[in-house]
Amino acid sequence: MQARRIRIYIGERDKDPHGKPLYEAILHEAHGRGLAGATVFKGVAGFGANSEVHTAKILRLSDDLPLVVEIVDEVVNIDAFRPWLEGEISEGLVTVEDVEMVVRRAP
């Protein structure tokens, strides 16, 4: 089945317009819309547009590690989610890719 994957690259400290952690707001909205699934990945190091390196090394602990939120669903559902998402993100990176959904099983 043709599907679409959206990846949202943000930091742990990023907030939505209401002050809630952005990754939580994204998960809540995706779940509320009935999207197939979403996962948040926490990076051990990374940098973004401002070129500041964030790392989990002991000598330089960071409370703003990189996060990636990944959501996969049917094309129409991801496309409907994008306008909401674009209104929530003030900084970060969003990518969208066409993918083939091979297996999707619910309990």
PDB file of N, CA and C in Angstrom:
ATOM      1  N   MET A   1       0.840  -1.177   0.000  1.00  0.00           N
ATOM      2  CA  MET A   1       0.000   0.000   0.000  1.00  0.00           C
ATOM      3  C   MET A   1       0.889   1.247   0.000  1.00  0.00           C
ATOM      4  N   GLN A   2       0.567   2.190  -0.849  1.00  0.00           N
ATOM      5  CA  GLN A   2       1.319   3.441  -0.868  1.00  0.00           C
ATOM      6  C   GLN A   2       0.984   4.239   0.383  1.00  0.00           C
ATOM      7  N   ALA A   3       2.004   4.780   0.990  1.00  0.00           N
ATOM      8  CA  ALA A   3       1.852   5.540   2.235  1.00  0.00           C
ATOM      9  C   ALA A   3       2.834   6.704   2.212  1.00  0.00           C
ATOM     10  N   ARG A   4       2.826   7.471   3.269  1.00  0.00           N
ATOM     11  CA  ARG A   4       3.720   8.614   3.378  1.00  0.00           C
ATOM     12  C   ARG A   4       4.275   8.643   4.800  1.00  0.00           C
ATOM     13  N   ARG A   5       5.557   9.013   4.882  1.00  0.00           N
ATOM     14  CA  ARG A   5       6.220   9.153   6.188  1.00  0.00           C
ATOM     15  C   ARG A   5       6.588  10.617   6.369  1.00  0.00           C
ATOM     16  N   ILE A   6       6.279  11.115   7.534  1.00  0.00           N
ATOM     17  CA  ILE A   6       6.671  12.482   7.865  1.00  0.00           C
ATOM     18  C   ILE A   6       7.619  12.401   9.050  1.00  0.00           C
ATOM     19  N   ARG A   7       8.727  13.108   8.948  1.00  0.00           N
ATOM     20  CA  ARG A   7       9.707  13.163  10.035  1.00  0.00           C
ATOM     21  C   ARG A   7       9.842  14.609  10.484  1.00  0.00           C
ATOM     22  N   ILE A   8       9.783  14.793  11.789  1.00  0.00           N
ATOM     23  CA  ILE A   8       9.876  16.117  12.376  1.00  0.00           C
ATOM     24  C   ILE A   8      11.110  16.137  13.263  1.00  0.00           C
ATOM     25  N   TYR A   9      12.074  16.981  12.902  1.00  0.00           N
ATOM     26  CA  TYR A   9      13.330  17.106  13.639  1.00  0.00           C
ATOM     27  C   TYR A   9      13.235  18.340  14.527  1.00  0.00           C
ATOM     28  N   ILE A  10      13.229  18.110  15.847  1.00  0.00           N
ATOM     29  CA  ILE A  10      13.088  19.191  16.811  1.00  0.00           C
ATOM     30  C   ILE A  10      14.022  18.944  17.988  1.00  0.00           C
ATOM     31  N   GLY A  11      13.988  19.815  18.970  1.00  0.00           N
ATOM     32  CA  GLY A  11      14.773  19.647  20.190  1.00  0.00           C
ATOM     33  C   GLY A  11      13.859  19.374  21.374  1.00  0.00           C
ATOM     34  N   GLU A  12      14.435  18.816  22.425  1.00  0.00           N
ATOM     35  CA  GLU A  12      13.659  18.502  23.629  1.00  0.00           C
ATOM     36  C   GLU A  12      12.985  19.734  24.231  1.00  0.00           C
ATOM     37  N   ARG A  13      13.618  20.881  24.129  1.00  0.00           N
ATOM     38  CA  ARG A  13      13.085  22.110  24.736  1.00  0.00           C
ATOM     39  C   ARG A  13      12.014  22.792  23.893  1.00  0.00           C
ATOM     40  N   ASP A  14      11.813  22.356  22.654  1.00  0.00           N
ATOM     41  CA  ASP A  14      10.840  23.022  21.784  1.00  0.00           C
ATOM     42  C   ASP A  14       9.432  22.868  22.333  1.00  0.00           C
ATOM     43  N   LYS A  15       8.689  23.959  22.289  1.00  0.00           N
ATOM     44  CA  LYS A  15       7.320  23.999  22.812  1.00  0.00           C
ATOM     45  C   LYS A  15       6.347  24.338  21.689  1.00  0.00           C
ATOM     46  N   ASP A  16       5.099  23.937  21.882  1.00  0.00           N
ATOM     47  CA  ASP A  16       4.048  24.346  20.955  1.00  0.00           C
ATOM     48  C   ASP A  16       3.612  25.763  21.337  1.00  0.00           C
ATOM     49  N   PRO A  17       2.726  26.374  20.563  1.00  0.00           N
ATOM     50  CA  PRO A  17       2.308  27.744  20.882  1.00  0.00           C
ATOM     51  C   PRO A  17       1.660  27.911  22.263  1.00  0.00           C
ATOM     52  N   HIS A  18       1.260  26.801  22.904  1.00  0.00           N
ATOM     53  CA  HIS A  18       0.615  26.862  24.213  1.00  0.00           C
ATOM     54  C   HIS A  18       1.573  26.514  25.353  1.00  0.00           C
ATOM     55  N   GLY A  19       2.856  26.312  25.035  1.00  0.00           N
ATOM     56  CA  GLY A  19       3.858  26.020  26.061  1.00  0.00           C
ATOM     57  C   GLY A  19       4.046  24.555  26.392  1.00  0.00           C
ATOM     58  N   LYS A  20       3.337  23.677  25.719  1.00  0.00           N
ATOM     59  CA  LYS A  20       3.455  22.231  25.938  1.00  0.00           C
ATOM     60  C   LYS A  20       4.640  21.718  25.134  1.00  0.00           C
ATOM     61  N   PRO A  21       5.360  20.694  25.638  1.00  0.00           N
ATOM     62  CA  PRO A  21       6.438  20.127  24.831  1.00  0.00           C
ATOM     63  C   PRO A  21       5.929  19.764  23.437  1.00  0.00           C
ATOM     64  N   LEU A  22       6.653  20.211  22.424  1.00  0.00           N
ATOM     65  CA  LEU A  22       6.193  20.062  21.048  1.00  0.00           C
ATOM     66  C   LEU A  22       5.997  18.603  20.657  1.00  0.00           C
ATOM     67  N   TYR A  23       6.919  17.737  21.063  1.00  0.00           N
ATOM     68  CA  TYR A  23       6.772  16.328  20.681  1.00  0.00           C
ATOM     69  C   TYR A  23       5.497  15.732  21.268  1.00  0.00           C
ATOM     70  N   GLU A  24       5.121  16.144  22.487  1.00  0.00           N
ATOM     71  CA  GLU A  24       3.885  15.650  23.098  1.00  0.00           C
ATOM     72  C   GLU A  24       2.662  16.165  22.345  1.00  0.00           C
ATOM     73  N   ALA A  25       2.694  17.425  21.953  1.00  0.00           N
ATOM     74  CA  ALA A  25       1.578  18.006  21.206  1.00  0.00           C
ATOM     75  C   ALA A  25       1.401  17.293  19.871  1.00  0.00           C
ATOM     76  N   ILE A  26       2.518  16.989  19.206  1.00  0.00           N
ATOM     77  CA  ILE A  26       2.450  16.288  17.920  1.00  0.00           C
ATOM     78  C   ILE A  26       1.861  14.893  18.100  1.00  0.00           C
ATOM     79  N   LEU A  27       2.346  14.161  19.101  1.00  0.00           N
ATOM     80  CA  LEU A  27       1.812  12.815  19.355  1.00  0.00           C
ATOM     81  C   LEU A  27       0.329  12.865  19.679  1.00  0.00           C
ATOM     82  N   HIS A  28      -0.069  13.799  20.531  1.00  0.00           N
ATOM     83  CA  HIS A  28      -1.468  13.917  20.932  1.00  0.00           C
ATOM     84  C   HIS A  28      -2.354  14.200  19.719  1.00  0.00           C
ATOM     85  N   GLU A  29      -1.930  15.122  18.871  1.00  0.00           N
ATOM     86  CA  GLU A  29      -2.710  15.473  17.686  1.00  0.00           C
ATOM     87  C   GLU A  29      -2.777  14.304  16.700  1.00  0.00           C
ATOM     88  N   ALA A  30      -1.646  13.639  16.478  1.00  0.00           N
ATOM     89  CA  ALA A  30      -1.626  12.495  15.560  1.00  0.00           C
ATOM     90  C   ALA A  30      -2.542  11.383  16.067  1.00  0.00           C
ATOM     91  N   HIS A  31      -2.493  11.123  17.362  1.00  0.00           N
ATOM     92  CA  HIS A  31      -3.344  10.097  17.959  1.00  0.00           C
ATOM     93  C   HIS A  31      -4.812  10.487  17.846  1.00  0.00           C
ATOM     94  N   GLY A  32      -5.112  11.733  18.148  1.00  0.00           N
ATOM     95  CA  GLY A  32      -6.484  12.215  18.071  1.00  0.00           C
ATOM     96  C   GLY A  32      -7.065  12.149  16.671  1.00  0.00           C
ATOM     97  N   ARG A  33      -6.216  12.267  15.672  1.00  0.00           N
ATOM     98  CA  ARG A  33      -6.662  12.183  14.284  1.00  0.00           C
ATOM     99  C   ARG A  33      -6.740  10.735  13.794  1.00  0.00           C
ATOM    100  N   GLY A  34      -6.331   9.793  14.645  1.00  0.00           N
ATOM    101  CA  GLY A  34      -6.407   8.383  14.272  1.00  0.00           C
ATOM    102  C   GLY A  34      -5.333   7.945  13.299  1.00  0.00           C
ATOM    103  N   LEU A  35      -4.194   8.667  13.276  1.00  0.00           N
ATOM    104  CA  LEU A  35      -3.117   8.272  12.375  1.00  0.00           C
ATOM    105  C   LEU A  35      -2.596   6.891  12.778  1.00  0.00           C
ATOM    106  N   ALA A  36      -2.005   6.196  11.831  1.00  0.00           N
ATOM    107  CA  ALA A  36      -1.615   4.796  12.026  1.00  0.00           C
ATOM    108  C   ALA A  36      -0.637   4.603  13.175  1.00  0.00           C
ATOM    109  N   GLY A  37       0.276   5.534  13.378  1.00  0.00           N
ATOM    110  CA  GLY A  37       1.231   5.399  14.467  1.00  0.00           C
ATOM    111  C   GLY A  37       2.277   6.487  14.424  1.00  0.00           C
ATOM    112  N   ALA A  38       2.876   6.741  15.555  1.00  0.00           N
ATOM    113  CA  ALA A  38       3.928   7.752  15.669  1.00  0.00           C
ATOM    114  C   ALA A  38       4.939   7.278  16.694  1.00  0.00           C
ATOM    115  N   THR A  39       6.195   7.606  16.459  1.00  0.00           N
ATOM    116  CA  THR A  39       7.272   7.253  17.372  1.00  0.00           C
ATOM    117  C   THR A  39       8.175   8.461  17.544  1.00  0.00           C
ATOM    118  N   VAL A  40       8.653   8.665  18.778  1.00  0.00           N
ATOM    119  CA  VAL A  40       9.616   9.723  19.058  1.00  0.00           C
ATOM    120  C   VAL A  40      10.956   9.058  19.331  1.00  0.00           C
ATOM    121  N   PHE A  41      11.973   9.474  18.582  1.00  0.00           N
ATOM    122  CA  PHE A  41      13.334   8.988  18.773  1.00  0.00           C
ATOM    123  C   PHE A  41      14.148  10.101  19.417  1.00  0.00           C
ATOM    124  N   LYS A  42      14.953   9.739  20.429  1.00  0.00           N
ATOM    125  CA  LYS A  42      15.816  10.706  21.095  1.00  0.00           C
ATOM    126  C   LYS A  42      17.245  10.481  20.630  1.00  0.00           C
ATOM    127  N   GLY A  43      17.857  11.523  20.117  1.00  0.00           N
ATOM    128  CA  GLY A  43      19.225  11.431  19.638  1.00  0.00           C
ATOM    129  C   GLY A  43      20.235  11.615  20.755  1.00  0.00           C
ATOM    130  N   VAL A  44      21.405  11.041  20.582  1.00  0.00           N
ATOM    131  CA  VAL A  44      22.469  11.221  21.572  1.00  0.00           C
ATOM    132  C   VAL A  44      23.324  12.439  21.250  1.00  0.00           C
ATOM    133  N   ALA A  45      23.233  12.920  20.012  1.00  0.00           N
ATOM    134  CA  ALA A  45      23.958  14.122  19.616  1.00  0.00           C
ATOM    135  C   ALA A  45      23.384  14.622  18.305  1.00  0.00           C
ATOM    136  N   GLY A  46      23.565  15.910  18.072  1.00  0.00           N
ATOM    137  CA  GLY A  46      23.110  16.472  16.817  1.00  0.00           C
ATOM    138  C   GLY A  46      23.267  17.978  16.806  1.00  0.00           C
ATOM    139  N   PHE A  47      23.033  18.574  15.630  1.00  0.00           N
ATOM    140  CA  PHE A  47      23.001  20.025  15.523  1.00  0.00           C
ATOM    141  C   PHE A  47      22.010  20.393  14.444  1.00  0.00           C
ATOM    142  N   GLY A  48      21.528  21.603  14.521  1.00  0.00           N
ATOM    143  CA  GLY A  48      20.528  22.071  13.566  1.00  0.00           C
ATOM    144  C   GLY A  48      20.997  23.326  12.875  1.00  0.00           C
ATOM    145  N   ALA A  49      20.045  24.138  12.474  1.00  0.00           N
ATOM    146  CA  ALA A  49      20.326  25.326  11.679  1.00  0.00           C
ATOM    147  C   ALA A  49      21.242  26.318  12.389  1.00  0.00           C
ATOM    148  N   ASN A  50      21.176  26.346  13.719  1.00  0.00           N
ATOM    149  CA  ASN A  50      22.028  27.294  14.446  1.00  0.00           C
ATOM    150  C   ASN A  50      23.443  26.769  14.677  1.00  0.00           C
ATOM    151  N   SER A  51      23.727  25.554  14.224  1.00  0.00           N
ATOM    152  CA  SER A  51      25.043  24.910  14.290  1.00  0.00           C
ATOM    153  C   SER A  51      25.547  24.641  15.705  1.00  0.00           C
ATOM    154  N   GLU A  52      24.689  24.782  16.709  1.00  0.00           N
ATOM    155  CA  GLU A  52      25.096  24.450  18.070  1.00  0.00           C
ATOM    156  C   GLU A  52      24.965  22.942  18.264  1.00  0.00           C
ATOM    157  N   VAL A  53      26.055  22.292  18.672  1.00  0.00           N
ATOM    158  CA  VAL A  53      26.039  20.849  18.877  1.00  0.00           C
ATOM    159  C   VAL A  53      25.445  20.549  20.244  1.00  0.00           C
ATOM    160  N   HIS A  54      24.481  19.639  20.272  1.00  0.00           N
ATOM    161  CA  HIS A  54      23.866  19.160  21.509  1.00  0.00           C
ATOM    162  C   HIS A  54      24.286  17.710  21.665  1.00  0.00           C
ATOM    163  N   THR A  55      24.785  17.358  22.859  1.00  0.00           N
ATOM    164  CA  THR A  55      25.293  16.013  23.062  1.00  0.00           C
ATOM    165  C   THR A  55      24.955  15.507  24.455  1.00  0.00           C
ATOM    166  N   ALA A  56      24.904  14.202  24.613  1.00  0.00           N
ATOM    167  CA  ALA A  56      24.625  13.580  25.899  1.00  0.00           C
ATOM    168  C   ALA A  56      25.910  13.165  26.606  1.00  0.00           C
ATOM    169  N   LYS A  57      27.068  13.582  26.085  1.00  0.00           N
ATOM    170  CA  LYS A  57      28.330  13.221  26.728  1.00  0.00           C
ATOM    171  C   LYS A  57      28.369  13.755  28.154  1.00  0.00           C
ATOM    172  N   ILE A  58      29.015  13.000  29.032  1.00  0.00           N
ATOM    173  CA  ILE A  58      29.064  13.367  30.447  1.00  0.00           C
ATOM    174  C   ILE A  58      29.694  14.745  30.649  1.00  0.00           C
ATOM    175  N   LEU A  59      30.735  15.065  29.898  1.00  0.00           N
ATOM    176  CA  LEU A  59      31.399  16.348  30.073  1.00  0.00           C
ATOM    177  C   LEU A  59      30.570  17.519  29.580  1.00  0.00           C
ATOM    178  N   ARG A  60      29.574  17.238  28.772  1.00  0.00           N
ATOM    179  CA  ARG A  60      28.747  18.321  28.247  1.00  0.00           C
ATOM    180  C   ARG A  60      27.301  17.842  28.166  1.00  0.00           C
ATOM    181  N   LEU A  61      26.661  17.744  29.317  1.00  0.00           N
ATOM    182  CA  LEU A  61      25.280  17.287  29.346  1.00  0.00           C
ATOM    183  C   LEU A  61      24.375  18.339  28.717  1.00  0.00           C
ATOM    184  N   SER A  62      23.403  17.874  27.999  1.00  0.00           N
ATOM    185  CA  SER A  62      22.471  18.782  27.344  1.00  0.00           C
ATOM    186  C   SER A  62      21.055  18.444  27.765  1.00  0.00           C
ATOM    187  N   ASP A  63      20.258  19.482  28.005  1.00  0.00           N
ATOM    188  CA  ASP A  63      18.850  19.253  28.284  1.00  0.00           C
ATOM    189  C   ASP A  63      18.019  19.598  27.050  1.00  0.00           C
ATOM    190  N   ASP A  64      18.696  19.679  25.900  1.00  0.00           N
ATOM    191  CA  ASP A  64      17.999  19.975  24.640  1.00  0.00           C
ATOM    192  C   ASP A  64      18.503  19.046  23.551  1.00  0.00           C
ATOM    193  N   LEU A  65      18.431  17.748  23.826  1.00  0.00           N
ATOM    194  CA  LEU A  65      18.894  16.763  22.852  1.00  0.00           C
ATOM    195  C   LEU A  65      17.941  16.729  21.656  1.00  0.00           C
ATOM    196  N   PRO A  66      18.451  16.281  20.512  1.00  0.00           N
ATOM    197  CA  PRO A  66      17.592  16.226  19.331  1.00  0.00           C
ATOM    198  C   PRO A  66      16.542  15.126  19.444  1.00  0.00           C
ATOM    199  N   LEU A  67      15.367  15.413  18.899  1.00  0.00           N
ATOM    200  CA  LEU A  67      14.282  14.448  18.821  1.00  0.00           C
ATOM    201  C   LEU A  67      13.836  14.340  17.371  1.00  0.00           C
ATOM    202  N   VAL A  68      13.406  13.156  16.989  1.00  0.00           N
ATOM    203  CA  VAL A  68      12.775  12.953  15.693  1.00  0.00           C
ATOM    204  C   VAL A  68      11.435  12.289  15.960  1.00  0.00           C
ATOM    205  N   VAL A  69      10.375  12.920  15.476  1.00  0.00           N
ATOM    206  CA  VAL A  69       9.043  12.322  15.548  1.00  0.00           C
ATOM    207  C   VAL A  69       8.742  11.782  14.158  1.00  0.00           C
ATOM    208  N   GLU A  70       8.422  10.501  14.093  1.00  0.00           N
ATOM    209  CA  GLU A  70       8.162   9.864  12.805  1.00  0.00           C
ATOM    210  C   GLU A  70       6.740   9.321  12.798  1.00  0.00           C
ATOM    211  N   ILE A  71       6.019   9.661  11.725  1.00  0.00           N
ATOM    212  CA  ILE A  71       4.633   9.225  11.579  1.00  0.00           C
ATOM    213  C   ILE A  71       4.469   8.643  10.180  1.00  0.00           C
ATOM    214  N   VAL A  72       3.837   7.483  10.089  1.00  0.00           N
ATOM    215  CA  VAL A  72       3.562   6.845   8.797  1.00  0.00           C
ATOM    216  C   VAL A  72       2.067   6.565   8.723  1.00  0.00           C
ATOM    217  N   ASP A  73       1.476   6.902   7.592  1.00  0.00           N
ATOM    218  CA  ASP A  73       0.061   6.621   7.370  1.00  0.00           C
ATOM    219  C   ASP A  73      -0.219   6.754   5.880  1.00  0.00           C
ATOM    220  N   GLU A  74      -1.471   6.583   5.528  1.00  0.00           N
ATOM    221  CA  GLU A  74      -1.881   6.748   4.142  1.00  0.00           C
ATOM    222  C   GLU A  74      -1.638   8.191   3.712  1.00  0.00           C
ATOM    223  N   VAL A  75      -1.383   8.363   2.433  1.00  0.00           N
ATOM    224  CA  VAL A  75      -1.039   9.676   1.878  1.00  0.00           C
ATOM    225  C   VAL A  75      -2.064  10.732   2.263  1.00  0.00           C
ATOM    226  N   VAL A  76      -3.333  10.439   2.105  1.00  0.00           N
ATOM    227  CA  VAL A  76      -4.386  11.418   2.376  1.00  0.00           C
ATOM    228  C   VAL A  76      -4.373  11.866   3.840  1.00  0.00           C
ATOM    229  N   ASN A  77      -4.078  10.952   4.764  1.00  0.00           N
ATOM    230  CA  ASN A  77      -4.064  11.286   6.189  1.00  0.00           C
ATOM    231  C   ASN A  77      -2.860  12.150   6.561  1.00  0.00           C
ATOM    232  N   ILE A  78      -1.701  11.829   6.012  1.00  0.00           N
ATOM    233  CA  ILE A  78      -0.513  12.649   6.270  1.00  0.00           C
ATOM    234  C   ILE A  78      -0.690  14.036   5.667  1.00  0.00           C
ATOM    235  N   ASP A  79      -1.216  14.103   4.459  1.00  0.00           N
ATOM    236  CA  ASP A  79      -1.430  15.401   3.815  1.00  0.00           C
ATOM    237  C   ASP A  79      -2.412  16.266   4.601  1.00  0.00           C
ATOM    238  N   ALA A  80      -3.411  15.659   5.213  1.00  0.00           N
ATOM    239  CA  ALA A  80      -4.378  16.403   6.025  1.00  0.00           C
ATOM    240  C   ALA A  80      -3.757  16.884   7.339  1.00  0.00           C
ATOM    241  N   PHE A  81      -2.753  16.171   7.839  1.00  0.00           N
ATOM    242  CA  PHE A  81      -2.076  16.507   9.099  1.00  0.00           C
ATOM    243  C   PHE A  81      -1.078  17.662   8.934  1.00  0.00           C
ATOM    244  N   ARG A  82      -0.520  17.798   7.743  1.00  0.00           N
ATOM    245  CA  ARG A  82       0.558  18.766   7.509  1.00  0.00           C
ATOM    246  C   ARG A  82       0.202  20.212   7.840  1.00  0.00           C
ATOM    247  N   PRO A  83      -0.952  20.740   7.453  1.00  0.00           N
ATOM    248  CA  PRO A  83      -1.244  22.140   7.791  1.00  0.00           C
ATOM    249  C   PRO A  83      -1.238  22.409   9.300  1.00  0.00           C
ATOM    250  N   TRP A  84      -1.800  21.486  10.081  1.00  0.00           N
ATOM    251  CA  TRP A  84      -1.764  21.651  11.534  1.00  0.00           C
ATOM    252  C   TRP A  84      -0.316  21.676  12.013  1.00  0.00           C
ATOM    253  N   LEU A  85       0.463  20.715  11.549  1.00  0.00           N
ATOM    254  CA  LEU A  85       1.854  20.595  11.971  1.00  0.00           C
ATOM    255  C   LEU A  85       2.655  21.849  11.630  1.00  0.00           C
ATOM    256  N   GLU A  86       2.498  22.333  10.417  1.00  0.00           N
ATOM    257  CA  GLU A  86       3.246  23.517   9.989  1.00  0.00           C
ATOM    258  C   GLU A  86       2.890  24.740  10.829  1.00  0.00           C
ATOM    259  N   GLY A  87       1.673  24.796  11.363  1.00  0.00           N
ATOM    260  CA  GLY A  87       1.274  25.890  12.241  1.00  0.00           C
ATOM    261  C   GLY A  87       1.842  25.781  13.640  1.00  0.00           C
ATOM    262  N   GLU A  88       2.276  24.603  14.033  1.00  0.00           N
ATOM    263  CA  GLU A  88       2.794  24.375  15.382  1.00  0.00           C
ATOM    264  C   GLU A  88       4.300  24.565  15.494  1.00  0.00           C
ATOM    265  N   ILE A  89       5.024  24.404  14.412  1.00  0.00           N
ATOM    266  CA  ILE A  89       6.486  24.394  14.464  1.00  0.00           C
ATOM    267  C   ILE A  89       7.040  25.780  14.145  1.00  0.00           C
ATOM    268  N   SER A  90       7.746  26.350  15.123  1.00  0.00           N
ATOM    269  CA  SER A  90       8.368  27.656  14.890  1.00  0.00           C
ATOM    270  C   SER A  90       9.823  27.502  14.454  1.00  0.00           C
ATOM    271  N   GLU A  91      10.453  26.390  14.833  1.00  0.00           N
ATOM    272  CA  GLU A  91      11.781  26.075  14.334  1.00  0.00           C
ATOM    273  C   GLU A  91      11.943  24.568  14.332  1.00  0.00           C
ATOM    274  N   GLY A  92      12.764  24.087  13.434  1.00  0.00           N
ATOM    275  CA  GLY A  92      12.940  22.653  13.261  1.00  0.00           C
ATOM    276  C   GLY A  92      12.926  22.329  11.785  1.00  0.00           C
ATOM    277  N   LEU A  93      12.823  21.072  11.475  1.00  0.00           N
ATOM    278  CA  LEU A  93      12.832  20.602  10.094  1.00  0.00           C
ATOM    279  C   LEU A  93      11.774  19.520   9.947  1.00  0.00           C
ATOM    280  N   VAL A  94      11.017  19.575   8.863  1.00  0.00           N
ATOM    281  CA  VAL A  94      10.014  18.555   8.573  1.00  0.00           C
ATOM    282  C   VAL A  94      10.305  18.012   7.183  1.00  0.00           C
ATOM    283  N   THR A  95      10.369  16.688   7.071  1.00  0.00           N
ATOM    284  CA  THR A  95      10.526  16.051   5.769  1.00  0.00           C
ATOM    285  C   THR A  95       9.349  15.108   5.536  1.00  0.00           C
ATOM    286  N   VAL A  96       9.023  14.920   4.278  1.00  0.00           N
ATOM    287  CA  VAL A  96       7.937  14.023   3.891  1.00  0.00           C
ATOM    288  C   VAL A  96       8.459  13.133   2.776  1.00  0.00           C
ATOM    289  N   GLU A  97       8.207  11.829   2.905  1.00  0.00           N
ATOM    290  CA  GLU A  97       8.669  10.867   1.907  1.00  0.00           C
ATOM    291  C   GLU A  97       7.555   9.879   1.592  1.00  0.00           C
ATOM    292  N   ASP A  98       7.461   9.498   0.342  1.00  0.00           N
ATOM    293  CA  ASP A  98       6.557   8.429  -0.030  1.00  0.00           C
ATOM    294  C   ASP A  98       7.219   7.105   0.334  1.00  0.00           C
ATOM    295  N   VAL A  99       6.446   6.217   0.932  1.00  0.00           N
ATOM    296  CA  VAL A  99       6.946   4.909   1.345  1.00  0.00           C
ATOM    297  C   VAL A  99       5.920   3.857   0.961  1.00  0.00           C
ATOM    298  N   GLU A 100       6.334   2.615   1.017  1.00  0.00           N
ATOM    299  CA  GLU A 100       5.403   1.509   0.807  1.00  0.00           C
ATOM    300  C   GLU A 100       5.151   0.851   2.144  1.00  0.00           C
ATOM    301  N   MET A 101       3.894   0.811   2.569  1.00  0.00           N
ATOM    302  CA  MET A 101       3.526   0.172   3.820  1.00  0.00           C
ATOM    303  C   MET A 101       3.310  -1.307   3.499  1.00  0.00           C
ATOM    304  N   VAL A 102       4.175  -2.149   4.032  1.00  0.00           N
ATOM    305  CA  VAL A 102       4.144  -3.575   3.704  1.00  0.00           C
ATOM    306  C   VAL A 102       3.232  -4.333   4.669  1.00  0.00           C
ATOM    307  N   VAL A 103       3.362  -4.036   5.947  1.00  0.00           N
ATOM    308  CA  VAL A 103       2.560  -4.730   6.959  1.00  0.00           C
ATOM    309  C   VAL A 103       2.020  -3.687   7.922  1.00  0.00           C
ATOM    310  N   ARG A 104       0.745  -3.793   8.212  1.00  0.00           N
ATOM    311  CA  ARG A 104       0.123  -2.969   9.263  1.00  0.00           C
ATOM    312  C   ARG A 104      -0.892  -3.850   9.959  1.00  0.00           C
ATOM    313  N   ARG A 105      -0.578  -4.210  11.181  1.00  0.00           N
ATOM    314  CA  ARG A 105      -1.451  -5.113  11.942  1.00  0.00           C
ATOM    315  C   ARG A 105      -1.774  -4.478  13.274  1.00  0.00           C
ATOM    316  N   ALA A 106      -3.013  -4.512  13.625  1.00  0.00           N
ATOM    317  CA  ALA A 106      -3.452  -4.047  14.937  1.00  0.00           C
ATOM    318  C   ALA A 106      -3.832  -5.265  15.771  1.00  0.00           C
ATOM    319  N   PRO A 107      -3.685  -5.153  17.085  1.00  0.00           N
ATOM    320  CA  PRO A 107      -4.057  -6.294  17.945  1.00  0.00           C
ATOM    321  C   PRO A 107      -5.533  -6.589  17.905  1.00  0.00           C
TER     322      PRO A 107
END
